[in-house]
Amino acid sequence: MRSTSSLYFHVGTATGMVAALGLILLAGCASTPGGYQVFQQNIALQNENAALKSKLQRQQARMKVLEAQLAARTPRVATLPAARLAELFTVHAIKIQSATSTARFHGGTTLRGFRVFVATLMTHGQPLPATGKFTISAFDLAVKTGSTRIGQWAFSARRSKKLWYGPFGLNCFAFDCPWRRPPAHAQITFRVRFRDALTGRVFTVQRLVRVNLTSQ
């Protein structure tokens, strides 16, 4: 039967061999032409990705706090009893459509803002025209310094009702959101908050969209 010291010796030897092998592989990567540069670039990309994820998480946490504060200050909307609402078609989710991008507005030649397409959906994903208030926010999370929010736009129930597009199978709302200045990056995070006028329920959705920043 092996002694404890003998076992420790073999374990330590195996660990040392693994570490030495790792150093040899690392040295081999670094010694190849451009290998160390690629290694550094990969590390830099990983760090940048982690920083963006951390910024997004902080932004989401901040949004939840603001939404809670807003909900506390907003008076409750008189609505039908739950049993009565269960008999009706009602909204159960909202979705930012992939067609969301930049837009020129009114036949102009330069980009003036975002056109955000939002669908209000029933239980199984079928579109349902719904009346309520929409609040749309756009963020450029790749911004290194300063505010990441590009803008925020609010649409009342009366106004949003006129922005529903049913023809050609669109079945969604189209919101024009003009910006003060165009974003610096094409990856834009959109966040939409919808308060249903019928049920009083609040829905929130967020989506990262790659938008077009060229006028062609």
C-alpha atoms as a PDB file:
ATOM      1  CA  MET A   1       0.000   0.000   0.000  1.00  0.00           C
ATOM      2  CA  ARG A   2       1.375   3.429  -1.059  1.00  0.00           C
ATOM      3  CA  SER A   3       2.159   5.952   1.612  1.00  0.00           C
ATOM      4  CA  THR A   4       0.480   9.368   1.714  1.00  0.00           C
ATOM      5  CA  SER A   5       3.749  11.152   0.915  1.00  0.00           C
ATOM      6  CA  SER A   6       4.182   8.955  -2.166  1.00  0.00           C
ATOM      7  CA  LEU A   7       0.690   9.861  -3.401  1.00  0.00           C
ATOM      8  CA  TYR A   8       1.396  13.574  -2.887  1.00  0.00           C
ATOM      9  CA  PHE A   9       4.632  13.191  -4.819  1.00  0.00           C
ATOM     10  CA  HIS A  10       2.883  11.646  -7.837  1.00  0.00           C
ATOM     11  CA  VAL A  11       0.037  14.198  -7.778  1.00  0.00           C
ATOM     12  CA  GLY A  12       2.498  17.079  -7.539  1.00  0.00           C
ATOM     13  CA  THR A  13       4.567  15.650 -10.381  1.00  0.00           C
ATOM     14  CA  ALA A  14       1.468  15.292 -12.628  1.00  0.00           C
ATOM     15  CA  THR A  15       0.337  18.843 -11.838  1.00  0.00           C
ATOM     16  CA  GLY A  16       3.771  20.195 -12.661  1.00  0.00           C
ATOM     17  CA  MET A  17       3.796  18.336 -15.971  1.00  0.00           C
ATOM     18  CA  VAL A  18       0.378  19.783 -16.935  1.00  0.00           C
ATOM     19  CA  ALA A  19       1.529  23.311 -16.054  1.00  0.00           C
ATOM     20  CA  ALA A  20       4.748  22.846 -17.996  1.00  0.00           C
ATOM     21  CA  LEU A  21       2.818  21.551 -21.006  1.00  0.00           C
ATOM     22  CA  GLY A  22       0.548  24.621 -20.859  1.00  0.00           C
ATOM     23  CA  LEU A  23       3.565  26.933 -20.819  1.00  0.00           C
ATOM     24  CA  ILE A  24       5.097  25.102 -23.778  1.00  0.00           C
ATOM     25  CA  LEU A  25       1.850  25.427 -25.779  1.00  0.00           C
ATOM     26  CA  LEU A  26       1.561  29.120 -24.892  1.00  0.00           C
ATOM     27  CA  ALA A  27       5.176  29.701 -25.874  1.00  0.00           C
ATOM     28  CA  GLY A  28       4.530  27.857 -29.133  1.00  0.00           C
ATOM     29  CA  CYS A  29       1.534  30.082 -29.935  1.00  0.00           C
ATOM     30  CA  ALA A  30       3.527  33.191 -29.120  1.00  0.00           C
ATOM     31  CA  SER A  31       6.489  32.081 -31.192  1.00  0.00           C
ATOM     32  CA  THR A  32       4.462  31.605 -34.383  1.00  0.00           C
ATOM     33  CA  PRO A  33       4.259  34.619 -36.741  1.00  0.00           C
ATOM     34  CA  GLY A  34       1.442  36.807 -35.504  1.00  0.00           C
ATOM     35  CA  GLY A  35       0.399  34.210 -32.947  1.00  0.00           C
ATOM     36  CA  TYR A  36       0.937  36.414 -29.924  1.00  0.00           C
ATOM     37  CA  GLN A  37      -0.837  39.324 -31.627  1.00  0.00           C
ATOM     38  CA  VAL A  38      -3.871  37.137 -32.334  1.00  0.00           C
ATOM     39  CA  PHE A  39      -3.792  35.960 -28.725  1.00  0.00           C
ATOM     40  CA  GLN A  40      -3.794  39.563 -27.496  1.00  0.00           C
ATOM     41  CA  GLN A  41      -6.619  40.490 -29.863  1.00  0.00           C
ATOM     42  CA  ASN A  42      -8.734  37.593 -28.587  1.00  0.00           C
ATOM     43  CA  ILE A  43      -8.153  38.655 -24.990  1.00  0.00           C
ATOM     44  CA  ALA A  44      -9.060  42.261 -25.865  1.00  0.00           C
ATOM     45  CA  LEU A  45     -12.276  41.140 -27.603  1.00  0.00           C
ATOM     46  CA  GLN A  46     -13.239  38.970 -24.633  1.00  0.00           C
ATOM     47  CA  ASN A  47     -12.659  41.875 -22.241  1.00  0.00           C
ATOM     48  CA  GLU A  48     -14.693  44.222 -24.446  1.00  0.00           C
ATOM     49  CA  ASN A  49     -17.538  41.708 -24.662  1.00  0.00           C
ATOM     50  CA  ALA A  50     -17.535  41.269 -20.876  1.00  0.00           C
ATOM     51  CA  ALA A  51     -17.582  45.053 -20.396  1.00  0.00           C
ATOM     52  CA  LEU A  52     -20.559  45.441 -22.762  1.00  0.00           C
ATOM     53  CA  LYS A  53     -22.463  42.662 -20.985  1.00  0.00           C
ATOM     54  CA  SER A  54     -21.764  44.302 -17.639  1.00  0.00           C
ATOM     55  CA  LYS A  55     -22.943  47.685 -18.949  1.00  0.00           C
ATOM     56  CA  LEU A  56     -26.129  46.102 -20.318  1.00  0.00           C
ATOM     57  CA  GLN A  57     -26.848  44.394 -16.993  1.00  0.00           C
ATOM     58  CA  ARG A  58     -26.375  47.679 -15.118  1.00  0.00           C
ATOM     59  CA  GLN A  59     -28.650  49.438 -17.624  1.00  0.00           C
ATOM     60  CA  GLN A  60     -31.322  46.748 -17.212  1.00  0.00           C
ATOM     61  CA  ALA A  61     -31.126  46.992 -13.420  1.00  0.00           C
ATOM     62  CA  ARG A  62     -31.460  50.774 -13.640  1.00  0.00           C
ATOM     63  CA  MET A  63     -34.459  50.400 -15.956  1.00  0.00           C
ATOM     64  CA  LYS A  64     -36.187  48.080 -13.500  1.00  0.00           C
ATOM     65  CA  VAL A  65     -35.711  50.615 -10.709  1.00  0.00           C
ATOM     66  CA  LEU A  66     -37.098  53.424 -12.862  1.00  0.00           C
ATOM     67  CA  GLU A  67     -40.043  51.286 -13.963  1.00  0.00           C
ATOM     68  CA  ALA A  68     -40.861  50.446 -10.347  1.00  0.00           C
ATOM     69  CA  GLN A  69     -40.737  54.136  -9.425  1.00  0.00           C
ATOM     70  CA  LEU A  70     -42.944  55.029 -12.393  1.00  0.00           C
ATOM     71  CA  ALA A  71     -45.440  52.279 -11.561  1.00  0.00           C
ATOM     72  CA  ALA A  72     -45.660  53.536  -7.966  1.00  0.00           C
ATOM     73  CA  ARG A  73     -46.474  57.053  -9.155  1.00  0.00           C
ATOM     74  CA  THR A  74     -48.917  56.021 -11.886  1.00  0.00           C
ATOM     75  CA  PRO A  75     -52.539  55.768 -10.757  1.00  0.00           C
ATOM     76  CA  ARG A  76     -54.220  52.446 -11.343  1.00  0.00           C
ATOM     77  CA  VAL A  77     -56.466  52.211 -14.374  1.00  0.00           C
ATOM     78  CA  ALA A  78     -60.065  51.143 -13.836  1.00  0.00           C
ATOM     79  CA  THR A  79     -60.600  47.929 -15.786  1.00  0.00           C
ATOM     80  CA  LEU A  80     -62.890  44.927 -16.057  1.00  0.00           C
ATOM     81  CA  PRO A  81     -62.843  42.084 -13.511  1.00  0.00           C
ATOM     82  CA  ALA A  82     -60.404  39.269 -14.227  1.00  0.00           C
ATOM     83  CA  ALA A  83     -63.223  36.828 -15.003  1.00  0.00           C
ATOM     84  CA  ARG A  84     -64.615  39.201 -17.616  1.00  0.00           C
ATOM     85  CA  LEU A  85     -61.211  39.845 -19.160  1.00  0.00           C
ATOM     86  CA  ALA A  86     -60.679  36.077 -19.476  1.00  0.00           C
ATOM     87  CA  GLU A  87     -63.560  36.007 -21.958  1.00  0.00           C
ATOM     88  CA  LEU A  88     -61.941  38.590 -24.238  1.00  0.00           C
ATOM     89  CA  PHE A  89     -58.991  38.652 -26.615  1.00  0.00           C
ATOM     90  CA  THR A  90     -56.274  40.498 -24.736  1.00  0.00           C
ATOM     91  CA  VAL A  91     -52.572  41.227 -25.115  1.00  0.00           C
ATOM     92  CA  HIS A  92     -50.169  38.790 -23.450  1.00  0.00           C
ATOM     93  CA  ALA A  93     -46.862  39.929 -24.962  1.00  0.00           C
ATOM     94  CA  ILE A  94     -45.241  42.523 -27.196  1.00  0.00           C
ATOM     95  CA  LYS A  95     -42.464  42.081 -29.750  1.00  0.00           C
ATOM     96  CA  ILE A  96     -40.013  44.403 -31.490  1.00  0.00           C
ATOM     97  CA  GLN A  97     -40.056  43.349 -35.123  1.00  0.00           C
ATOM     98  CA  SER A  98     -36.882  42.673 -37.123  1.00  0.00           C
ATOM     99  CA  ALA A  99     -37.879  45.327 -39.688  1.00  0.00           C
ATOM    100  CA  THR A 100     -36.944  47.997 -37.129  1.00  0.00           C
ATOM    101  CA  SER A 101     -34.202  50.236 -38.514  1.00  0.00           C
ATOM    102  CA  THR A 102     -33.339  53.811 -39.458  1.00  0.00           C
ATOM    103  CA  ALA A 103     -35.617  55.975 -41.613  1.00  0.00           C
ATOM    104  CA  ARG A 104     -35.576  59.187 -43.633  1.00  0.00           C
ATOM    105  CA  PHE A 105     -39.166  60.348 -42.877  1.00  0.00           C
ATOM    106  CA  HIS A 106     -41.448  62.218 -45.272  1.00  0.00           C
ATOM    107  CA  GLY A 107     -39.484  61.305 -48.392  1.00  0.00           C
ATOM    108  CA  GLY A 108     -36.274  63.018 -47.254  1.00  0.00           C
ATOM    109  CA  THR A 109     -32.824  62.131 -48.534  1.00  0.00           C
ATOM    110  CA  THR A 110     -30.994  61.786 -45.196  1.00  0.00           C
ATOM    111  CA  LEU A 111     -31.603  59.532 -42.227  1.00  0.00           C
ATOM    112  CA  ARG A 112     -33.554  61.330 -39.508  1.00  0.00           C
ATOM    113  CA  GLY A 113     -34.269  58.689 -36.897  1.00  0.00           C
ATOM    114  CA  PHE A 114     -35.541  55.185 -36.196  1.00  0.00           C
ATOM    115  CA  ARG A 115     -38.705  53.484 -37.372  1.00  0.00           C
ATOM    116  CA  VAL A 116     -39.603  50.968 -34.695  1.00  0.00           C
ATOM    117  CA  PHE A 117     -42.105  48.225 -35.481  1.00  0.00           C
ATOM    118  CA  VAL A 118     -43.900  46.742 -32.467  1.00  0.00           C
ATOM    119  CA  ALA A 119     -46.444  43.919 -32.458  1.00  0.00           C
ATOM    120  CA  THR A 120     -48.961  43.372 -29.664  1.00  0.00           C
ATOM    121  CA  LEU A 121     -49.675  39.652 -29.383  1.00  0.00           C
ATOM    122  CA  MET A 122     -52.267  37.318 -27.907  1.00  0.00           C
ATOM    123  CA  THR A 123     -51.514  34.131 -25.991  1.00  0.00           C
ATOM    124  CA  HIS A 124     -50.318  32.018 -28.908  1.00  0.00           C
ATOM    125  CA  GLY A 125     -48.498  34.805 -30.720  1.00  0.00           C
ATOM    126  CA  GLN A 126     -51.316  36.029 -32.967  1.00  0.00           C
ATOM    127  CA  PRO A 127     -51.249  39.815 -33.563  1.00  0.00           C
ATOM    128  CA  LEU A 128     -53.944  41.858 -31.880  1.00  0.00           C
ATOM    129  CA  PRO A 129     -54.483  45.611 -32.375  1.00  0.00           C
ATOM    130  CA  ALA A 130     -54.375  47.014 -28.856  1.00  0.00           C
ATOM    131  CA  THR A 131     -54.813  50.517 -27.501  1.00  0.00           C
ATOM    132  CA  GLY A 132     -52.397  51.845 -24.931  1.00  0.00           C
ATOM    133  CA  LYS A 133     -49.367  53.983 -24.224  1.00  0.00           C
ATOM    134  CA  PHE A 134     -45.986  53.091 -25.732  1.00  0.00           C
ATOM    135  CA  THR A 135     -42.631  54.345 -24.480  1.00  0.00           C
ATOM    136  CA  ILE A 136     -39.650  53.580 -26.715  1.00  0.00           C
ATOM    137  CA  SER A 137     -36.002  53.983 -25.731  1.00  0.00           C
ATOM    138  CA  ALA A 138     -32.900  53.483 -27.868  1.00  0.00           C
ATOM    139  CA  PHE A 139     -29.385  52.841 -26.512  1.00  0.00           C
ATOM    140  CA  ASP A 140     -25.929  52.661 -28.056  1.00  0.00           C
ATOM    141  CA  LEU A 141     -24.195  50.443 -25.506  1.00  0.00           C
ATOM    142  CA  ALA A 142     -20.903  50.557 -27.380  1.00  0.00           C
ATOM    143  CA  VAL A 143     -20.404  54.188 -26.343  1.00  0.00           C
ATOM    144  CA  LYS A 144     -17.338  54.380 -24.106  1.00  0.00           C
ATOM    145  CA  THR A 145     -18.059  57.674 -22.314  1.00  0.00           C
ATOM    146  CA  GLY A 146     -21.180  59.693 -21.643  1.00  0.00           C
ATOM    147  CA  SER A 147     -24.793  58.581 -21.838  1.00  0.00           C
ATOM    148  CA  THR A 148     -25.631  55.470 -23.835  1.00  0.00           C
ATOM    149  CA  ARG A 149     -29.223  56.549 -24.399  1.00  0.00           C
ATOM    150  CA  ILE A 150     -29.860  57.995 -27.843  1.00  0.00           C
ATOM    151  CA  GLY A 151     -33.407  59.065 -27.106  1.00  0.00           C
ATOM    152  CA  GLN A 152     -36.789  58.248 -25.634  1.00  0.00           C
ATOM    153  CA  TRP A 153     -40.162  58.710 -27.291  1.00  0.00           C
ATOM    154  CA  ALA A 154     -43.667  58.435 -25.835  1.00  0.00           C
ATOM    155  CA  PHE A 155     -46.850  57.715 -27.784  1.00  0.00           C
ATOM    156  CA  SER A 156     -50.267  58.154 -26.198  1.00  0.00           C
ATOM    157  CA  ALA A 157     -53.075  55.653 -26.682  1.00  0.00           C
ATOM    158  CA  ARG A 158     -54.870  58.023 -29.049  1.00  0.00           C
ATOM    159  CA  ARG A 159     -51.774  58.621 -31.140  1.00  0.00           C
ATOM    160  CA  SER A 160     -50.582  55.012 -31.269  1.00  0.00           C
ATOM    161  CA  LYS A 161     -54.044  53.916 -32.400  1.00  0.00           C
ATOM    162  CA  LYS A 162     -53.412  55.763 -35.683  1.00  0.00           C
ATOM    163  CA  LEU A 163     -50.075  54.016 -36.199  1.00  0.00           C
ATOM    164  CA  TRP A 164     -51.360  50.457 -36.574  1.00  0.00           C
ATOM    165  CA  TYR A 165     -50.623  48.913 -39.982  1.00  0.00           C
ATOM    166  CA  GLY A 166     -52.684  45.873 -40.928  1.00  0.00           C
ATOM    167  CA  PRO A 167     -52.306  45.692 -44.740  1.00  0.00           C
ATOM    168  CA  PHE A 168     -49.686  43.511 -46.456  1.00  0.00           C
ATOM    169  CA  GLY A 169     -49.499  41.265 -43.402  1.00  0.00           C
ATOM    170  CA  LEU A 170     -47.652  43.801 -41.250  1.00  0.00           C
ATOM    171  CA  ASN A 171     -50.099  43.657 -38.329  1.00  0.00           C
ATOM    172  CA  CYS A 172     -48.027  45.881 -36.076  1.00  0.00           C
ATOM    173  CA  PHE A 173     -47.454  49.471 -34.994  1.00  0.00           C
ATOM    174  CA  ALA A 174     -44.867  51.640 -36.776  1.00  0.00           C
ATOM    175  CA  PHE A 175     -43.360  54.393 -34.624  1.00  0.00           C
ATOM    176  CA  ASP A 176     -41.185  57.145 -36.086  1.00  0.00           C
ATOM    177  CA  CYS A 177     -38.570  58.178 -33.530  1.00  0.00           C
ATOM    178  CA  PRO A 178     -36.457  61.164 -34.687  1.00  0.00           C
ATOM    179  CA  TRP A 179     -33.025  61.577 -33.151  1.00  0.00           C
ATOM    180  CA  ARG A 180     -31.062  64.719 -32.307  1.00  0.00           C
ATOM    181  CA  ARG A 181     -27.927  63.199 -33.808  1.00  0.00           C
ATOM    182  CA  PRO A 182     -27.272  59.845 -35.469  1.00  0.00           C
ATOM    183  CA  PRO A 183     -25.739  57.030 -33.417  1.00  0.00           C
ATOM    184  CA  ALA A 184     -22.048  56.231 -33.689  1.00  0.00           C
ATOM    185  CA  HIS A 185     -22.577  52.480 -33.932  1.00  0.00           C
ATOM    186  CA  ALA A 186     -24.955  50.238 -35.864  1.00  0.00           C
ATOM    187  CA  GLN A 187     -25.768  47.901 -32.952  1.00  0.00           C
ATOM    188  CA  ILE A 188     -28.703  49.593 -31.213  1.00  0.00           C
ATOM    189  CA  THR A 189     -30.604  48.264 -28.212  1.00  0.00           C
ATOM    190  CA  PHE A 190     -34.300  49.126 -28.313  1.00  0.00           C
ATOM    191  CA  ARG A 191     -36.548  48.916 -25.282  1.00  0.00           C
ATOM    192  CA  VAL A 192     -40.343  49.216 -25.503  1.00  0.00           C
ATOM    193  CA  ARG A 193     -42.780  49.614 -22.638  1.00  0.00           C
ATOM    194  CA  PHE A 194     -46.501  49.205 -23.320  1.00  0.00           C
ATOM    195  CA  ARG A 195     -49.336  49.933 -20.902  1.00  0.00           C
ATOM    196  CA  ASP A 196     -52.550  48.298 -22.114  1.00  0.00           C
ATOM    197  CA  ALA A 197     -55.497  50.681 -21.865  1.00  0.00           C
ATOM    198  CA  LEU A 198     -57.966  47.809 -21.572  1.00  0.00           C
ATOM    199  CA  THR A 199     -56.350  45.668 -18.882  1.00  0.00           C
ATOM    200  CA  GLY A 200     -53.889  48.062 -17.262  1.00  0.00           C
ATOM    201  CA  ARG A 201     -51.134  45.482 -17.703  1.00  0.00           C
ATOM    202  CA  VAL A 202     -47.602  46.661 -18.439  1.00  0.00           C
ATOM    203  CA  PHE A 203     -45.366  44.819 -20.912  1.00  0.00           C
ATOM    204  CA  THR A 204     -41.681  45.440 -21.526  1.00  0.00           C
ATOM    205  CA  VAL A 205     -39.434  44.023 -24.221  1.00  0.00           C
ATOM    206  CA  GLN A 206     -35.858  44.666 -25.311  1.00  0.00           C
ATOM    207  CA  ARG A 207     -34.013  43.752 -28.504  1.00  0.00           C
ATOM    208  CA  LEU A 208     -30.604  44.369 -30.045  1.00  0.00           C
ATOM    209  CA  VAL A 209     -30.979  45.417 -33.694  1.00  0.00           C
ATOM    210  CA  ARG A 210     -28.326  46.129 -36.299  1.00  0.00           C
ATOM    211  CA  VAL A 211     -29.557  49.231 -38.120  1.00  0.00           C
ATOM    212  CA  ASN A 212     -28.530  50.835 -41.397  1.00  0.00           C
ATOM    213  CA  LEU A 213     -26.494  54.029 -40.987  1.00  0.00           C
ATOM    214  CA  THR A 214     -26.022  54.785 -44.684  1.00  0.00           C
ATOM    215  CA  SER A 215     -28.430  56.877 -46.736  1.00  0.00           C
ATOM    216  CA  GLN A 216     -28.315  54.554 -49.734  1.00  0.00           C
END
